[in-house]
Amino acid sequence: MVNFLAASENSEINPVLNTAVFVIFVAITLYVVYRVSSGKSSRSDYYAGGSAFNGRQNGIALSGDFLSAASFLGIAGAIAINGYDGFLYSIGFLVAWLVDLLLVAELLRNTGRFTMGDVLSFRMRQRPVRAAAATSTLVISLFYMLAQMAGAGALIALLLNVHSRWGQSLVIAVVGLVMIFYVLVGGMKGTTWVQIIKATILIGSVVLMTVFLFGKFGFSISNLLDSAAYRSPLGHKLLEPGAQYGKSGVTKLDFISLAVALILGTAGLPHVLMRFYTVPNSQEARRSVVWATACVFVFYLCTLVIGFGATALVGTSEIKAAPGGENSAAPLLALHIGGTVLLGLVAAVAFATILAVVAGLTITASASFAHDVYANIFKKGQADPADEVRVARRTALGIGVAAILGGILANGQNVAFLVALAFAVAASANLSTLLYSLFWKKFNTTGTLWGIYGGLACSVLLVLFSPVVSGASNSIIKGVDFHWFPLTNPGLVSIPFSFLCGFVGTMLGKDKADPRKYAEMEVRALTGIVPGNQKA
């Protein structure tokens, strides 16, 4: 077997080609962003692309926003190393879109305008609820962003053969600057087209790799799985449940906790929720989720083949020995089956994935601060729209710089921890309050604040005192042990706790819900009708 380092020495991995392919992608998308940017200062244009995208376009963009570097590289690697248990991540992410379709998409589109804070504050006291919603959005976006930017360091080491920390930091900065340009110039419209292009290339790439793989194994899934089991130290246990999460009662419980966070967290991710405002009506919002689900289904089905294919053709030992560990499975497989050309395409897709996801997170965080905090808290709803957009652009610049610095500092850290925290916080802080706001007549401001801050504090606290941070061989802080929470994901505890906080806060709160506001919200959520008989 030719190992990764030998491949590098024989120039099978060509950094120049990989860089060239990525530069071509950046050049094309920068041109697209420049052409679609209208130069207007309208809030609707900057925040929601003028609500001018149809369901198909927004659905593809949604999948591009959702399928991060962790999905592309992490899940394929998890399947290659852990087999069946690794594929359970894909199932959790896919099922999550059904929650979006049934509970969130249409209702959110009808009751809000630009941010999640619009929905949560609809029948509550504006200032405290918008402040809580903005805090939750900024925390989730920051952690998700750090995960993507830190992941860029590992990708650079693997795909461009840049191993010095200064070199990786430089490319992280370049990725961040390009992302900032997307957001500042194109707003939501430009960012959406970047995500559409990225999703098309990403799904096309995994389909291409899947077809190549099937060809090598006579288009037989049985041959592929048998070869993977033969090359894996787990043998045929690779194809059975329990390799990663079946070792003890705690690990089984940990899997349930992770699954709950993944399935429910997606419906609370701010950058996913904000996409429903880029379509003109609730029907297109539903179509968006259907298209996104279809794209995600195809993608994750292909990652199953790619993961087992990496085990069969590359081998577990070579994957673990490569820079990036499990994350190297898909690129190494591309090198084995398609040489430098296919690896160059994978390199471009990996970087494009980071660019698109971070751009989506940046515009979401900047919109939440400008619209919820600046316009509705500082200016008490009287902000000039042009000033609000200027604040959003300045916030995007600040967030982009923070993401670059954070990514450089977090380079080499446990990226999975940051991603898991983002999903756990989203499910804990956002989902409970969204569902209570939409479906519970008695829900009030006190319940909203207790739900958001209670879920936020609980999820962060449990992660800080979990084996993710200390007490395990792969913890972020080595050599110390101050953990007391046994699970690596807090979702099983923090999500029910946030619902409990919302309920108790509502029962104990002195402020009473306005039944007229709830009736108006219910009509808007279910029909899209707003006062004046206009469509939302």
Protein backbone atom coordinates (compact mmCIF):
# COMPACT_ATOMS: atom_id res chain seq x y z
CA MET A 1 0.00 0.00 0.00
CA VAL A 2 1.29 3.43 -0.91
CA ASN A 3 0.91 5.64 2.13
CA PHE A 4 -0.04 9.30 2.21
CA LEU A 5 3.44 10.65 2.78
CA ALA A 6 4.87 8.65 -0.07
CA ALA A 7 2.12 9.93 -2.28
CA SER A 8 3.06 13.47 -1.37
CA GLU A 9 6.72 12.85 -2.11
CA ASN A 10 5.83 11.43 -5.52
CA SER A 11 3.86 14.60 -6.28
CA GLU A 12 0.62 12.67 -6.63
CA ILE A 13 -0.89 15.46 -4.57
CA ASN A 14 -0.31 18.60 -6.58
CA PRO A 15 -0.76 21.77 -4.48
CA VAL A 16 -0.44 23.97 -7.58
CA LEU A 17 -3.30 22.21 -9.35
CA ASN A 18 -5.47 22.21 -6.23
CA THR A 19 -4.83 25.92 -5.71
CA ALA A 20 -5.55 26.68 -9.37
CA VAL A 21 -8.91 24.90 -9.29
CA PHE A 22 -9.89 26.76 -6.12
CA VAL A 23 -8.80 30.12 -7.58
CA ILE A 24 -10.95 29.44 -10.65
CA PHE A 25 -13.96 28.76 -8.43
CA VAL A 26 -13.34 31.93 -6.42
CA ALA A 27 -12.96 34.00 -9.60
CA ILE A 28 -16.24 32.70 -11.03
CA THR A 29 -18.20 33.24 -7.82
CA LEU A 30 -16.73 36.70 -7.26
CA TYR A 31 -17.88 37.64 -10.76
CA VAL A 32 -21.36 36.24 -10.06
CA VAL A 33 -21.57 38.13 -6.75
CA TYR A 34 -20.54 41.36 -8.45
CA ARG A 35 -23.10 40.94 -11.26
CA VAL A 36 -26.07 40.07 -9.03
CA SER A 37 -25.40 42.82 -6.50
CA SER A 38 -27.81 45.64 -7.21
CA GLY A 39 -26.06 48.28 -5.15
CA LYS A 40 -29.32 49.03 -3.32
CA SER A 41 -29.40 49.76 0.38
CA SER A 42 -32.81 48.17 0.91
CA ARG A 43 -33.01 45.95 3.97
CA SER A 44 -35.01 43.39 2.01
CA ASP A 45 -32.29 43.19 -0.64
CA TYR A 46 -29.43 42.84 1.83
CA TYR A 47 -31.12 40.54 4.36
CA ALA A 48 -33.42 38.42 2.17
CA GLY A 49 -32.33 38.95 -1.44
CA GLY A 50 -35.55 40.84 -2.09
CA SER A 51 -37.47 37.56 -1.46
CA ALA A 52 -36.91 36.96 -5.17
CA PHE A 53 -35.79 33.31 -5.16
CA ASN A 54 -38.13 30.46 -6.01
CA GLY A 55 -38.41 27.27 -4.01
CA ARG A 56 -36.02 25.28 -6.20
CA GLN A 57 -33.29 27.91 -6.06
CA ASN A 58 -33.66 28.46 -2.33
CA GLY A 59 -33.79 24.72 -1.66
CA ILE A 60 -30.49 24.16 -3.44
CA ALA A 61 -29.03 27.15 -1.57
CA LEU A 62 -30.37 25.71 1.70
CA SER A 63 -28.53 22.46 1.04
CA GLY A 64 -25.41 24.47 0.22
CA ASP A 65 -25.79 26.39 3.48
CA PHE A 66 -26.33 23.20 5.48
CA LEU A 67 -23.74 20.85 3.95
CA SER A 68 -20.61 22.10 5.67
CA ALA A 69 -17.05 20.82 5.57
CA ALA A 70 -17.97 18.56 8.50
CA SER A 71 -20.64 16.91 6.34
CA PHE A 72 -18.41 16.52 3.30
CA LEU A 73 -15.25 15.29 4.99
CA GLY A 74 -16.28 14.34 8.51
CA ILE A 75 -19.14 11.96 7.76
CA ALA A 76 -17.26 10.15 4.99
CA GLY A 77 -14.38 9.70 7.43
CA ALA A 78 -16.70 8.53 10.22
CA ILE A 79 -18.18 5.88 7.93
CA ALA A 80 -14.73 4.81 6.74
CA ILE A 81 -13.51 4.27 10.32
CA ASN A 82 -16.69 3.28 12.21
CA GLY A 83 -18.92 1.95 9.44
CA TYR A 84 -22.59 1.68 10.37
CA ASP A 85 -22.29 3.98 13.38
CA GLY A 86 -20.74 6.70 11.21
CA PHE A 87 -23.70 6.59 8.83
CA LEU A 88 -26.04 7.32 11.73
CA TYR A 89 -24.86 10.96 11.51
CA SER A 90 -26.25 11.13 7.98
CA ILE A 91 -29.59 9.74 9.09
CA GLY A 92 -29.87 12.31 11.87
CA PHE A 93 -29.08 15.23 9.56
CA LEU A 94 -31.56 13.99 6.92
CA VAL A 95 -34.46 13.39 9.31
CA ALA A 96 -33.93 16.91 10.68
CA TRP A 97 -35.33 18.36 7.46
CA LEU A 98 -38.67 16.69 8.11
CA VAL A 99 -38.88 18.68 11.35
CA ASP A 100 -38.20 21.83 9.34
CA LEU A 101 -40.85 20.93 6.78
CA LEU A 102 -43.60 20.00 9.23
CA LEU A 103 -43.07 22.48 12.06
CA VAL A 104 -41.01 25.47 11.01
CA ALA A 105 -40.66 26.48 7.35
CA GLU A 106 -44.12 27.72 6.39
CA LEU A 107 -45.02 29.20 9.78
CA LEU A 108 -41.71 31.02 10.10
CA ARG A 109 -41.97 32.51 6.61
CA ASN A 110 -45.46 33.85 7.32
CA THR A 111 -44.76 35.44 10.70
CA GLY A 112 -41.29 36.99 10.25
CA ARG A 113 -39.48 39.33 7.91
CA PHE A 114 -35.72 39.04 8.28
CA THR A 115 -34.61 37.26 11.47
CA MET A 116 -35.72 34.74 14.08
CA GLY A 117 -36.16 37.66 16.48
CA ASP A 118 -39.08 38.89 14.33
CA VAL A 119 -41.01 35.71 15.16
CA LEU A 120 -40.11 35.46 18.84
CA SER A 121 -40.92 39.12 19.54
CA PHE A 122 -44.15 39.20 17.51
CA ARG A 123 -46.41 38.99 20.60
CA MET A 124 -43.81 39.63 23.32
CA ARG A 125 -42.01 42.68 24.68
CA GLN A 126 -39.70 43.69 21.86
CA ARG A 127 -36.46 44.79 23.48
CA PRO A 128 -35.64 41.92 25.90
CA VAL A 129 -36.78 39.20 23.51
CA ARG A 130 -34.88 40.59 20.53
CA ALA A 131 -31.78 40.94 22.71
CA ALA A 132 -32.09 37.28 23.75
CA ALA A 133 -32.66 36.13 20.16
CA ALA A 134 -29.64 38.13 18.94
CA THR A 135 -27.47 36.69 21.73
CA SER A 136 -28.45 33.15 20.80
CA THR A 137 -27.89 33.81 17.09
CA LEU A 138 -24.46 35.36 17.63
CA VAL A 139 -23.28 32.54 19.94
CA ILE A 140 -24.42 29.78 17.59
CA SER A 141 -23.05 31.52 14.49
CA LEU A 142 -19.70 32.21 16.15
CA PHE A 143 -19.14 28.61 17.23
CA TYR A 144 -20.26 27.27 13.85
CA MET A 145 -18.01 29.78 12.11
CA LEU A 146 -15.00 28.89 14.25
CA ALA A 147 -15.53 25.23 13.38
CA GLN A 148 -15.49 25.99 9.65
CA MET A 149 -12.48 28.31 9.82
CA ALA A 150 -10.54 25.92 12.05
CA GLY A 151 -11.42 23.11 9.65
CA ALA A 152 -9.80 25.17 6.90
CA GLY A 153 -6.44 24.68 8.60
CA ALA A 154 -6.73 20.89 8.45
CA LEU A 155 -7.89 21.02 4.83
CA ILE A 156 -4.97 23.21 3.87
CA ALA A 157 -2.50 20.80 5.44
CA LEU A 158 -4.04 17.88 3.59
CA LEU A 159 -5.00 19.30 0.21
CA LEU A 160 -2.36 21.98 -0.39
CA ASN A 161 0.48 20.26 1.46
CA VAL A 162 1.00 23.35 3.65
CA HIS A 163 2.14 22.12 7.05
CA SER A 164 3.53 25.26 8.67
CA ARG A 165 1.19 27.04 11.06
CA TRP A 166 2.01 30.41 9.47
CA GLY A 167 1.12 29.07 6.02
CA GLN A 168 -2.18 27.66 7.26
CA SER A 169 -2.96 30.93 9.05
CA LEU A 170 -2.33 32.87 5.84
CA VAL A 171 -4.75 30.75 3.83
CA ILE A 172 -7.37 30.92 6.61
CA ALA A 173 -7.09 34.70 6.36
CA VAL A 174 -7.51 34.57 2.56
CA VAL A 175 -10.61 32.38 2.90
CA GLY A 176 -12.03 34.81 5.46
CA LEU A 177 -11.37 37.87 3.31
CA VAL A 178 -13.07 36.33 0.28
CA MET A 179 -16.05 35.44 2.46
CA ILE A 180 -16.25 39.03 3.75
CA PHE A 181 -16.27 40.30 0.16
CA TYR A 182 -19.18 37.99 -0.70
CA VAL A 183 -21.26 39.36 2.16
CA LEU A 184 -20.35 43.05 1.85
CA VAL A 185 -20.85 43.26 -1.91
CA GLY A 186 -23.54 40.69 -2.65
CA GLY A 187 -25.57 40.57 0.55
CA MET A 188 -28.04 37.71 0.74
CA LYS A 189 -28.54 37.64 -3.02
CA GLY A 190 -24.85 37.19 -3.80
CA THR A 191 -24.39 34.74 -0.93
CA THR A 192 -27.34 32.67 -2.18
CA TRP A 193 -25.86 32.31 -5.65
CA VAL A 194 -22.52 31.28 -4.16
CA GLN A 195 -24.34 28.60 -2.17
CA ILE A 196 -26.26 27.41 -5.25
CA ILE A 197 -23.03 27.06 -7.24
CA LYS A 198 -21.28 25.37 -4.33
CA ALA A 199 -24.13 22.90 -3.73
CA THR A 200 -24.24 21.98 -7.42
CA ILE A 201 -20.49 21.33 -7.54
CA LEU A 202 -20.51 19.47 -4.23
CA ILE A 203 -23.37 17.12 -5.10
CA GLY A 204 -22.00 16.63 -8.61
CA SER A 205 -18.60 15.72 -7.19
CA VAL A 206 -19.89 13.12 -4.74
CA VAL A 207 -22.12 11.59 -7.44
CA LEU A 208 -19.10 11.40 -9.77
CA MET A 209 -16.97 9.73 -7.09
CA THR A 210 -19.81 7.30 -6.32
CA VAL A 211 -20.11 6.25 -9.97
CA PHE A 212 -16.32 5.75 -10.22
CA LEU A 213 -16.39 3.62 -7.07
CA PHE A 214 -19.22 1.42 -8.25
CA GLY A 215 -17.36 0.92 -11.51
CA LYS A 216 -14.30 -0.37 -9.66
CA PHE A 217 -16.44 -2.95 -7.85
CA GLY A 218 -18.47 -4.11 -10.83
CA PHE A 219 -21.43 -1.92 -9.86
CA SER A 220 -22.12 -4.28 -6.95
CA ILE A 221 -22.78 -2.89 -3.48
CA SER A 222 -22.08 -6.34 -2.01
CA ASN A 223 -18.59 -6.39 -3.48
CA LEU A 224 -17.95 -2.91 -2.11
CA LEU A 225 -19.10 -3.77 1.42
CA ASP A 226 -17.20 -7.08 1.48
CA SER A 227 -13.99 -5.32 0.40
CA ALA A 228 -14.48 -2.63 3.03
CA ALA A 229 -14.99 -5.23 5.77
CA TYR A 230 -11.88 -7.11 4.58
CA ARG A 231 -9.67 -3.98 4.78
CA SER A 232 -11.03 -2.79 8.14
CA PRO A 233 -9.67 -3.93 11.52
CA LEU A 234 -13.31 -4.29 12.59
CA GLY A 235 -14.01 -6.92 9.97
CA HIS A 236 -17.70 -7.52 9.35
CA LYS A 237 -18.50 -5.60 12.54
CA LEU A 238 -17.92 -2.54 10.34
CA LEU A 239 -21.31 -3.29 8.77
CA GLU A 240 -23.10 -3.75 12.10
CA PRO A 241 -24.22 -1.24 14.74
CA GLY A 242 -22.14 -0.68 17.85
CA ALA A 243 -18.58 -0.06 16.65
CA GLN A 244 -18.51 3.45 18.10
CA TYR A 245 -21.58 3.77 20.31
CA GLY A 246 -22.20 0.21 21.50
CA LYS A 247 -19.35 -0.18 23.95
CA SER A 248 -21.30 0.64 27.12
CA GLY A 249 -24.54 2.02 28.44
CA VAL A 250 -23.05 5.52 28.57
CA THR A 251 -21.98 5.45 24.90
CA LYS A 252 -25.43 4.22 23.85
CA LEU A 253 -26.99 7.07 25.81
CA ASP A 254 -24.47 9.43 24.25
CA PHE A 255 -25.62 8.42 20.78
CA ILE A 256 -29.25 9.12 21.68
CA SER A 257 -28.20 12.53 22.98
CA LEU A 258 -26.28 13.31 19.80
CA ALA A 259 -29.16 12.15 17.60
CA VAL A 260 -31.64 14.36 19.45
CA ALA A 261 -29.34 17.37 19.06
CA LEU A 262 -28.76 16.78 15.35
CA ILE A 263 -32.41 16.20 14.50
CA LEU A 264 -33.80 19.09 16.52
CA GLY A 265 -30.83 21.44 16.22
CA THR A 266 -31.22 21.94 12.47
CA ALA A 267 -34.67 23.49 12.99
CA GLY A 268 -33.06 26.05 15.31
CA LEU A 269 -30.00 27.00 13.27
CA PRO A 270 -30.28 30.75 12.55
CA HIS A 271 -28.62 30.63 9.12
CA VAL A 272 -31.06 27.90 8.01
CA LEU A 273 -34.10 29.71 9.43
CA MET A 274 -33.14 33.01 7.76
CA ARG A 275 -33.22 31.35 4.33
CA PHE A 276 -36.99 31.00 4.47
CA TYR A 277 -37.29 34.78 4.10
CA THR A 278 -35.63 34.74 0.66
CA VAL A 279 -38.77 33.29 -1.00
CA PRO A 280 -41.95 35.28 -1.77
CA ASN A 281 -44.51 33.11 0.06
CA SER A 282 -45.08 30.10 2.29
CA GLN A 283 -45.69 27.75 -0.64
CA GLU A 284 -42.19 28.45 -1.94
CA ALA A 285 -40.85 27.98 1.61
CA ARG A 286 -42.31 24.46 1.64
CA ARG A 287 -40.86 23.80 -1.81
CA SER A 288 -37.50 25.00 -0.51
CA VAL A 289 -37.45 22.34 2.19
CA VAL A 290 -38.54 19.62 -0.27
CA TRP A 291 -35.71 20.53 -2.66
CA ALA A 292 -33.22 20.82 0.20
CA THR A 293 -34.27 17.41 1.53
CA ALA A 294 -33.85 15.84 -1.92
CA CYS A 295 -30.36 17.36 -2.34
CA VAL A 296 -29.30 16.32 1.16
CA PHE A 297 -30.69 12.79 0.59
CA VAL A 298 -28.62 12.34 -2.58
CA PHE A 299 -25.54 13.73 -0.88
CA TYR A 300 -25.70 11.53 2.21
CA LEU A 301 -26.53 8.43 0.15
CA CYS A 302 -23.33 9.07 -1.80
CA THR A 303 -21.30 9.58 1.38
CA LEU A 304 -22.29 6.04 2.40
CA VAL A 305 -20.64 4.68 -0.74
CA ILE A 306 -17.67 7.06 -0.45
CA GLY A 307 -17.06 6.16 3.19
CA PHE A 308 -17.06 2.41 2.64
CA GLY A 309 -15.16 2.92 -0.63
CA ALA A 310 -12.41 4.76 1.25
CA THR A 311 -12.11 1.81 3.64
CA ALA A 312 -11.93 -0.64 0.73
CA LEU A 313 -9.45 1.23 -1.50
CA VAL A 314 -7.43 3.43 0.88
CA GLY A 315 -7.52 1.46 4.10
CA THR A 316 -8.09 2.47 7.69
CA SER A 317 -4.41 2.76 8.63
CA GLU A 318 -3.58 5.14 5.78
CA ILE A 319 -6.59 7.32 6.58
CA LYS A 320 -5.64 7.59 10.26
CA ALA A 321 -1.99 8.33 9.43
CA ALA A 322 -2.78 11.20 7.05
CA PRO A 323 -2.93 14.84 8.15
CA GLY A 324 -6.48 15.46 9.31
CA GLY A 325 -7.09 11.84 10.31
CA GLU A 326 -10.64 10.75 9.53
CA ASN A 327 -11.24 13.95 7.55
CA SER A 328 -8.75 12.76 4.95
CA ALA A 329 -10.88 9.81 3.81
CA ALA A 330 -12.67 11.54 0.90
CA PRO A 331 -9.60 13.39 -0.49
CA LEU A 332 -7.43 10.26 -0.30
CA LEU A 333 -10.15 8.28 -2.05
CA ALA A 334 -10.31 10.93 -4.77
CA LEU A 335 -6.55 10.60 -5.21
CA HIS A 336 -6.80 6.82 -5.52
CA ILE A 337 -9.64 6.69 -8.04
CA GLY A 338 -9.16 9.88 -10.05
CA GLY A 339 -5.61 11.09 -9.51
CA THR A 340 -4.65 14.75 -9.22
CA VAL A 341 -7.55 16.04 -11.33
CA LEU A 342 -10.27 14.58 -9.10
CA LEU A 343 -8.31 15.56 -5.99
CA GLY A 344 -8.09 19.11 -7.33
CA LEU A 345 -11.87 19.13 -7.72
CA VAL A 346 -12.29 17.83 -4.16
CA ALA A 347 -9.94 20.56 -2.94
CA ALA A 348 -12.02 23.24 -4.65
CA VAL A 349 -15.25 21.77 -3.31
CA ALA A 350 -13.86 21.61 0.24
CA PHE A 351 -12.80 25.26 0.20
CA ALA A 352 -16.01 26.32 -1.56
CA THR A 353 -17.95 24.56 1.20
CA ILE A 354 -16.16 26.58 3.86
CA LEU A 355 -16.63 29.84 1.95
CA ALA A 356 -20.36 29.37 1.37
CA VAL A 357 -21.22 28.19 4.89
CA VAL A 358 -19.20 30.91 6.61
CA ALA A 359 -20.69 33.56 4.32
CA GLY A 360 -24.19 32.40 5.25
CA LEU A 361 -23.35 32.47 8.95
CA THR A 362 -21.81 35.94 8.66
CA ILE A 363 -24.79 37.54 6.98
CA THR A 364 -27.14 35.88 9.49
CA ALA A 365 -25.18 37.15 12.49
CA SER A 366 -24.78 40.64 11.06
CA ALA A 367 -28.48 40.83 10.16
CA SER A 368 -29.49 39.76 13.66
CA PHE A 369 -27.33 42.41 15.28
CA ALA A 370 -28.33 45.22 12.91
CA HIS A 371 -32.05 44.39 12.76
CA ASP A 372 -32.74 43.11 16.28
CA VAL A 373 -30.21 45.04 18.37
CA TYR A 374 -29.43 48.28 16.50
CA ALA A 375 -32.77 48.97 14.79
CA ASN A 376 -35.23 47.63 17.37
CA ILE A 377 -33.37 48.06 20.68
CA PHE A 378 -31.08 51.05 20.25
CA LYS A 379 -33.28 52.92 17.76
CA LYS A 380 -36.59 51.54 19.11
CA GLY A 381 -37.81 50.58 15.65
CA GLN A 382 -37.14 54.02 14.15
CA ALA A 383 -33.84 53.30 12.39
CA ASP A 384 -33.31 54.53 8.86
CA PRO A 385 -33.13 51.47 6.53
CA ALA A 386 -29.95 52.73 4.88
CA ASP A 387 -28.29 53.18 8.27
CA GLU A 388 -29.41 49.72 9.32
CA VAL A 389 -27.80 48.14 6.25
CA ARG A 390 -24.59 50.10 6.88
CA VAL A 391 -24.52 48.76 10.45
CA ALA A 392 -25.09 45.24 9.10
CA ARG A 393 -22.14 45.59 6.70
CA ARG A 394 -19.87 46.92 9.44
CA THR A 395 -20.98 44.09 11.72
CA ALA A 396 -20.24 41.58 8.96
CA LEU A 397 -16.75 43.01 8.64
CA GLY A 398 -16.19 42.74 12.40
CA ILE A 399 -17.56 39.20 12.55
CA GLY A 400 -15.43 38.20 9.59
CA VAL A 401 -12.26 39.48 11.26
CA ALA A 402 -13.23 37.70 14.49
CA ALA A 403 -13.80 34.48 12.54
CA ILE A 404 -10.37 34.75 10.92
CA LEU A 405 -8.62 35.34 14.24
CA GLY A 406 -10.66 32.65 15.97
CA GLY A 407 -10.00 30.18 13.18
CA ILE A 408 -6.26 30.81 13.43
CA LEU A 409 -6.32 30.35 17.21
CA ALA A 410 -8.56 27.26 17.00
CA ASN A 411 -6.54 25.68 14.18
CA GLY A 412 -5.77 22.12 15.25
CA GLN A 413 -8.41 22.06 17.99
CA ASN A 414 -11.33 19.65 18.25
CA VAL A 415 -13.62 20.93 15.49
CA ALA A 416 -16.29 18.34 16.25
CA PHE A 417 -16.72 19.93 19.68
CA LEU A 418 -17.55 23.31 18.15
CA VAL A 419 -20.03 21.86 15.66
CA ALA A 420 -21.75 19.74 18.31
CA LEU A 421 -22.00 22.76 20.59
CA ALA A 422 -23.61 24.83 17.82
CA PHE A 423 -26.27 22.18 17.21
CA ALA A 424 -26.89 21.64 20.92
CA VAL A 425 -27.25 25.38 21.57
CA ALA A 426 -29.55 25.80 18.56
CA ALA A 427 -31.84 23.00 19.71
CA SER A 428 -31.76 24.10 23.35
CA ALA A 429 -32.15 27.87 23.02
CA ASN A 430 -34.12 28.35 19.82
CA LEU A 431 -36.41 25.43 19.07
CA SER A 432 -38.35 25.41 22.33
CA THR A 433 -39.10 29.13 22.16
CA LEU A 434 -40.03 28.97 18.47
CA LEU A 435 -42.51 26.14 19.00
CA TYR A 436 -43.97 27.70 22.15
CA SER A 437 -44.37 31.04 20.35
CA LEU A 438 -46.14 29.47 17.39
CA PHE A 439 -48.36 26.97 19.16
CA TRP A 440 -48.94 27.96 22.84
CA LYS A 441 -51.44 30.71 23.50
CA LYS A 442 -50.29 31.40 27.09
CA PHE A 443 -46.59 31.68 26.26
CA ASN A 444 -45.24 35.05 27.42
CA THR A 445 -42.10 37.17 27.54
CA THR A 446 -40.82 35.64 30.78
CA GLY A 447 -41.14 32.15 29.30
CA THR A 448 -39.29 33.25 26.17
CA LEU A 449 -36.36 34.68 28.11
CA TRP A 450 -36.17 31.70 30.46
CA GLY A 451 -36.28 29.29 27.51
CA ILE A 452 -33.53 31.02 25.50
CA TYR A 453 -31.14 31.86 28.31
CA GLY A 454 -31.86 28.64 30.23
CA GLY A 455 -31.18 26.42 27.21
CA LEU A 456 -28.15 28.48 26.24
CA ALA A 457 -26.59 28.35 29.70
CA CYS A 458 -27.39 24.67 30.27
CA SER A 459 -25.93 23.46 26.97
CA VAL A 460 -22.72 25.49 27.32
CA LEU A 461 -22.26 24.52 30.98
CA LEU A 462 -22.72 20.79 30.34
CA VAL A 463 -20.24 20.81 27.43
CA LEU A 464 -17.64 22.65 29.53
CA PHE A 465 -17.85 19.93 32.18
CA SER A 466 -18.04 17.00 29.76
CA PRO A 467 -15.32 14.63 28.45
CA VAL A 468 -15.10 16.84 25.35
CA VAL A 469 -13.17 19.46 27.35
CA SER A 470 -11.34 17.34 29.96
CA GLY A 471 -10.92 13.85 31.33
CA ALA A 472 -10.53 11.85 28.09
CA SER A 473 -7.65 11.01 25.76
CA ASN A 474 -9.10 13.17 22.98
CA SER A 475 -10.25 16.08 25.20
CA ILE A 476 -9.42 19.65 24.26
CA ILE A 477 -7.52 20.21 27.53
CA LYS A 478 -5.01 17.40 28.09
CA GLY A 479 -3.76 16.13 31.41
CA VAL A 480 -6.58 17.47 33.60
CA ASP A 481 -9.95 16.10 34.59
CA PHE A 482 -12.70 18.34 35.92
CA HIS A 483 -15.62 16.75 34.07
CA TRP A 484 -18.68 15.49 35.92
CA PHE A 485 -21.19 15.23 33.04
CA PRO A 486 -20.62 11.83 31.35
CA LEU A 487 -22.04 12.57 27.85
CA THR A 488 -20.12 14.33 25.09
CA ASN A 489 -23.30 15.97 23.78
CA PRO A 490 -25.70 17.72 26.18
CA GLY A 491 -28.79 17.53 23.95
CA LEU A 492 -30.57 14.81 25.91
CA VAL A 493 -30.53 17.04 29.01
CA SER A 494 -30.34 20.63 27.75
CA ILE A 495 -33.15 20.41 25.17
CA PRO A 496 -35.84 19.13 27.61
CA PHE A 497 -34.46 21.60 30.16
CA SER A 498 -35.07 24.51 27.78
CA PHE A 499 -38.68 23.38 27.24
CA LEU A 500 -39.08 23.10 31.01
CA CYS A 501 -37.61 26.59 31.50
CA GLY A 502 -40.03 28.05 28.96
CA PHE A 503 -42.97 26.36 30.65
CA VAL A 504 -42.00 27.31 34.22
CA GLY A 505 -41.15 30.88 33.18
CA THR A 506 -44.55 31.25 31.55
CA MET A 507 -46.35 29.91 34.62
CA LEU A 508 -44.40 32.13 37.04
CA GLY A 509 -44.19 35.23 34.88
CA LYS A 510 -46.38 38.16 35.85
CA ASP A 511 -46.80 39.39 32.28
CA LYS A 512 -49.86 37.91 30.59
CA ALA A 513 -50.02 36.86 26.97
CA ASP A 514 -52.21 38.98 24.70
CA PRO A 515 -54.86 36.65 23.16
CA ARG A 516 -55.45 39.10 20.31
CA LYS A 517 -51.78 39.04 19.30
CA TYR A 518 -51.77 35.24 19.44
CA ALA A 519 -54.90 35.09 17.26
CA GLU A 520 -53.26 37.41 14.73
CA MET A 521 -50.07 35.37 14.78
CA GLU A 522 -52.02 32.13 14.31
CA VAL A 523 -53.86 33.50 11.28
CA ARG A 524 -50.63 34.81 9.76
CA ALA A 525 -48.74 31.58 10.45
CA LEU A 526 -51.39 29.34 8.92
CA THR A 527 -52.59 31.50 6.02
CA GLY A 528 -49.98 34.16 5.33
CA ILE A 529 -52.67 36.86 5.61
CA VAL A 530 -51.62 40.11 7.28
CA PRO A 531 -53.72 43.15 8.25
CA GLY A 532 -55.04 44.81 5.11
CA ASN A 533 -55.64 41.41 3.45
CA GLN A 534 -52.18 41.41 1.93
CA LYS A 535 -50.00 38.38 1.52
CA ALA A 536 -46.95 37.96 3.71
